[in-house]
Amino acid sequence: MTTALLDNNKHPASHNVVVAPAVGAFMGKLPYILEPALHPNHRQFFHGMTVLTLLYAGLLKAYRWSLEEPFEKFMRGMMLICGGAYLRHLICDASTPKALPLVGKF
């Protein structure tokens, strides 16, 4: 939701008050869908620092994307909301005693 509020190039569909939180909630849980927390050492590739770094670089590129078409605005908004939610999940996990692995296993 924060990403939707801070975005200067809003699109009515991707920045809708229902769509943005729903998509953000799903994407914030995606790491646990990809790597279920079945044991304390469940964090592997999709919970890794490598993914966090690549995601951050992708978000910066999406944020700087110059827009012309409405579809581009929609896609940019969705990228920022999805990436921001996933990134927030990884940052919260990084602050725990187990932290994040550098790469992890596939």
C-alpha atoms as a PDB file:
ATOM      1  CA  MET A   1       0.000   0.000   0.000  1.00  0.00           C
ATOM      2  CA  THR A   2       2.884   2.363   0.764  1.00  0.00           C
ATOM      3  CA  THR A   3       4.227   1.882  -2.755  1.00  0.00           C
ATOM      4  CA  ALA A   4       0.885   2.881  -4.233  1.00  0.00           C
ATOM      5  CA  LEU A   5       0.763   6.012  -2.096  1.00  0.00           C
ATOM      6  CA  LEU A   6       4.314   7.126  -2.938  1.00  0.00           C
ATOM      7  CA  ASP A   7       4.057   6.541  -6.697  1.00  0.00           C
ATOM      8  CA  ASN A   8       3.867   9.754  -8.730  1.00  0.00           C
ATOM      9  CA  ASN A   9       2.625   8.090 -11.941  1.00  0.00           C
ATOM     10  CA  LYS A  10      -0.510   6.410 -10.651  1.00  0.00           C
ATOM     11  CA  HIS A  11      -2.785   4.269 -12.777  1.00  0.00           C
ATOM     12  CA  PRO A  12      -6.459   3.873 -11.770  1.00  0.00           C
ATOM     13  CA  ALA A  13      -6.381   0.051 -11.951  1.00  0.00           C
ATOM     14  CA  SER A  14      -3.067  -0.751 -10.267  1.00  0.00           C
ATOM     15  CA  HIS A  15      -3.483   1.959  -7.616  1.00  0.00           C
ATOM     16  CA  ASN A  16      -7.065   1.105  -6.722  1.00  0.00           C
ATOM     17  CA  VAL A  17      -7.759   1.007  -2.955  1.00  0.00           C
ATOM     18  CA  VAL A  18      -8.888  -2.623  -3.279  1.00  0.00           C
ATOM     19  CA  VAL A  19      -6.440  -3.934  -5.889  1.00  0.00           C
ATOM     20  CA  ALA A  20      -3.199  -2.544  -4.427  1.00  0.00           C
ATOM     21  CA  PRO A  21      -3.613  -4.017  -0.906  1.00  0.00           C
ATOM     22  CA  ALA A  22      -4.862  -7.367  -2.261  1.00  0.00           C
ATOM     23  CA  VAL A  23      -1.945  -7.729  -4.668  1.00  0.00           C
ATOM     24  CA  GLY A  24       0.496  -6.518  -2.006  1.00  0.00           C
ATOM     25  CA  ALA A  25      -0.837  -9.016   0.550  1.00  0.00           C
ATOM     26  CA  PHE A  26      -0.452 -11.901  -1.888  1.00  0.00           C
ATOM     27  CA  MET A  27       3.040 -10.874  -2.963  1.00  0.00           C
ATOM     28  CA  GLY A  28       4.114 -10.404   0.645  1.00  0.00           C
ATOM     29  CA  LYS A  29       3.242 -14.063   1.253  1.00  0.00           C
ATOM     30  CA  LEU A  30       4.761 -15.348  -1.999  1.00  0.00           C
ATOM     31  CA  PRO A  31       8.137 -16.259  -0.434  1.00  0.00           C
ATOM     32  CA  TYR A  32       6.297 -18.614   1.940  1.00  0.00           C
ATOM     33  CA  ILE A  33       4.329 -20.081  -0.945  1.00  0.00           C
ATOM     34  CA  LEU A  34       7.565 -20.742  -2.864  1.00  0.00           C
ATOM     35  CA  GLU A  35       9.437 -21.967   0.242  1.00  0.00           C
ATOM     36  CA  PRO A  36       6.996 -23.058   2.959  1.00  0.00           C
ATOM     37  CA  ALA A  37       8.125 -22.544   6.555  1.00  0.00           C
ATOM     38  CA  LEU A  38       8.111 -26.247   7.417  1.00  0.00           C
ATOM     39  CA  HIS A  39      11.324 -26.089   9.461  1.00  0.00           C
ATOM     40  CA  PRO A  40      13.644 -23.361  10.880  1.00  0.00           C
ATOM     41  CA  ASN A  41      16.057 -23.603   7.931  1.00  0.00           C
ATOM     42  CA  HIS A  42      13.452 -23.197   5.189  1.00  0.00           C
ATOM     43  CA  ARG A  43      15.009 -20.027   3.802  1.00  0.00           C
ATOM     44  CA  GLN A  44      16.763 -20.851   0.562  1.00  0.00           C
ATOM     45  CA  PHE A  45      17.003 -19.108  -2.831  1.00  0.00           C
ATOM     46  CA  PHE A  46      13.720 -17.168  -2.779  1.00  0.00           C
ATOM     47  CA  HIS A  47      14.556 -15.919   0.728  1.00  0.00           C
ATOM     48  CA  GLY A  48      18.153 -15.037  -0.207  1.00  0.00           C
ATOM     49  CA  MET A  49      20.198 -11.856  -0.294  1.00  0.00           C
ATOM     50  CA  THR A  50      20.738 -12.399  -4.027  1.00  0.00           C
ATOM     51  CA  VAL A  51      16.994 -12.191  -4.697  1.00  0.00           C
ATOM     52  CA  LEU A  52      16.735  -9.178  -2.383  1.00  0.00           C
ATOM     53  CA  THR A  53      19.492  -7.356  -4.300  1.00  0.00           C
ATOM     54  CA  LEU A  54      18.070  -8.198  -7.730  1.00  0.00           C
ATOM     55  CA  LEU A  55      14.586  -7.201  -6.616  1.00  0.00           C
ATOM     56  CA  TYR A  56      15.844  -3.868  -5.290  1.00  0.00           C
ATOM     57  CA  ALA A  57      17.665  -3.154  -8.587  1.00  0.00           C
ATOM     58  CA  GLY A  58      14.522  -4.039 -10.543  1.00  0.00           C
ATOM     59  CA  LEU A  59      12.373  -1.774  -8.378  1.00  0.00           C
ATOM     60  CA  LEU A  60      14.724   1.158  -8.943  1.00  0.00           C
ATOM     61  CA  LYS A  61      14.563   0.572 -12.701  1.00  0.00           C
ATOM     62  CA  ALA A  62      10.755   0.344 -12.611  1.00  0.00           C
ATOM     63  CA  TYR A  63      10.506   3.506 -10.504  1.00  0.00           C
ATOM     64  CA  ARG A  64      12.603   5.442 -13.053  1.00  0.00           C
ATOM     65  CA  TRP A  65      10.676   4.044 -16.038  1.00  0.00           C
ATOM     66  CA  SER A  66       9.402   6.927 -18.194  1.00  0.00           C
ATOM     67  CA  LEU A  67       5.785   6.302 -19.094  1.00  0.00           C
ATOM     68  CA  GLU A  68       3.731   7.120 -22.125  1.00  0.00           C
ATOM     69  CA  GLU A  69       0.919   4.598 -22.524  1.00  0.00           C
ATOM     70  CA  PRO A  70      -1.773   3.713 -19.951  1.00  0.00           C
ATOM     71  CA  PHE A  71      -0.714   0.046 -20.081  1.00  0.00           C
ATOM     72  CA  GLU A  72       2.852   1.057 -19.182  1.00  0.00           C
ATOM     73  CA  LYS A  73       1.530   2.983 -16.170  1.00  0.00           C
ATOM     74  CA  PHE A  74      -0.487  -0.064 -15.115  1.00  0.00           C
ATOM     75  CA  MET A  75       2.472  -2.445 -15.476  1.00  0.00           C
ATOM     76  CA  ARG A  76       4.812  -0.071 -13.648  1.00  0.00           C
ATOM     77  CA  GLY A  77       2.355   0.250 -10.778  1.00  0.00           C
ATOM     78  CA  MET A  78       1.923  -3.500 -10.516  1.00  0.00           C
ATOM     79  CA  MET A  79       5.704  -4.030 -10.572  1.00  0.00           C
ATOM     80  CA  LEU A  80       6.213  -1.510  -7.786  1.00  0.00           C
ATOM     81  CA  ILE A  81       3.425  -2.931  -5.626  1.00  0.00           C
ATOM     82  CA  CYS A  82       4.438  -6.570  -6.158  1.00  0.00           C
ATOM     83  CA  GLY A  83       8.160  -5.949  -5.799  1.00  0.00           C
ATOM     84  CA  GLY A  84       7.697  -3.688  -2.792  1.00  0.00           C
ATOM     85  CA  ALA A  85       5.637  -6.301  -0.926  1.00  0.00           C
ATOM     86  CA  TYR A  86       8.115  -9.104  -1.661  1.00  0.00           C
ATOM     87  CA  LEU A  87      11.038  -6.838  -0.704  1.00  0.00           C
ATOM     88  CA  ARG A  88       9.345  -5.868   2.563  1.00  0.00           C
ATOM     89  CA  HIS A  89       8.946  -9.566   3.414  1.00  0.00           C
ATOM     90  CA  LEU A  90      12.648 -10.206   2.809  1.00  0.00           C
ATOM     91  CA  ILE A  91      13.705  -7.166   4.834  1.00  0.00           C
ATOM     92  CA  CYS A  92      11.589  -8.353   7.779  1.00  0.00           C
ATOM     93  CA  ASP A  93      13.118 -11.835   7.516  1.00  0.00           C
ATOM     94  CA  ALA A  94      16.623 -10.348   7.335  1.00  0.00           C
ATOM     95  CA  SER A  95      16.077  -8.698  10.709  1.00  0.00           C
ATOM     96  CA  THR A  96      15.494 -12.040  12.488  1.00  0.00           C
ATOM     97  CA  PRO A  97      18.277 -14.091  14.158  1.00  0.00           C
ATOM     98  CA  LYS A  98      18.301 -16.580  11.220  1.00  0.00           C
ATOM     99  CA  ALA A  99      18.650 -13.667   8.731  1.00  0.00           C
ATOM    100  CA  LEU A 100      18.841 -14.496   5.009  1.00  0.00           C
ATOM    101  CA  PRO A 101      21.246 -16.815   3.175  1.00  0.00           C
ATOM    102  CA  LEU A 102      23.496 -15.229   0.571  1.00  0.00           C
ATOM    103  CA  VAL A 103      22.235 -17.446  -2.248  1.00  0.00           C
ATOM    104  CA  GLY A 104      20.558 -20.573  -0.841  1.00  0.00           C
ATOM    105  CA  LYS A 105      19.603 -23.730  -2.723  1.00  0.00           C
ATOM    106  CA  PHE A 106      17.188 -23.932  -5.651  1.00  0.00           C
END
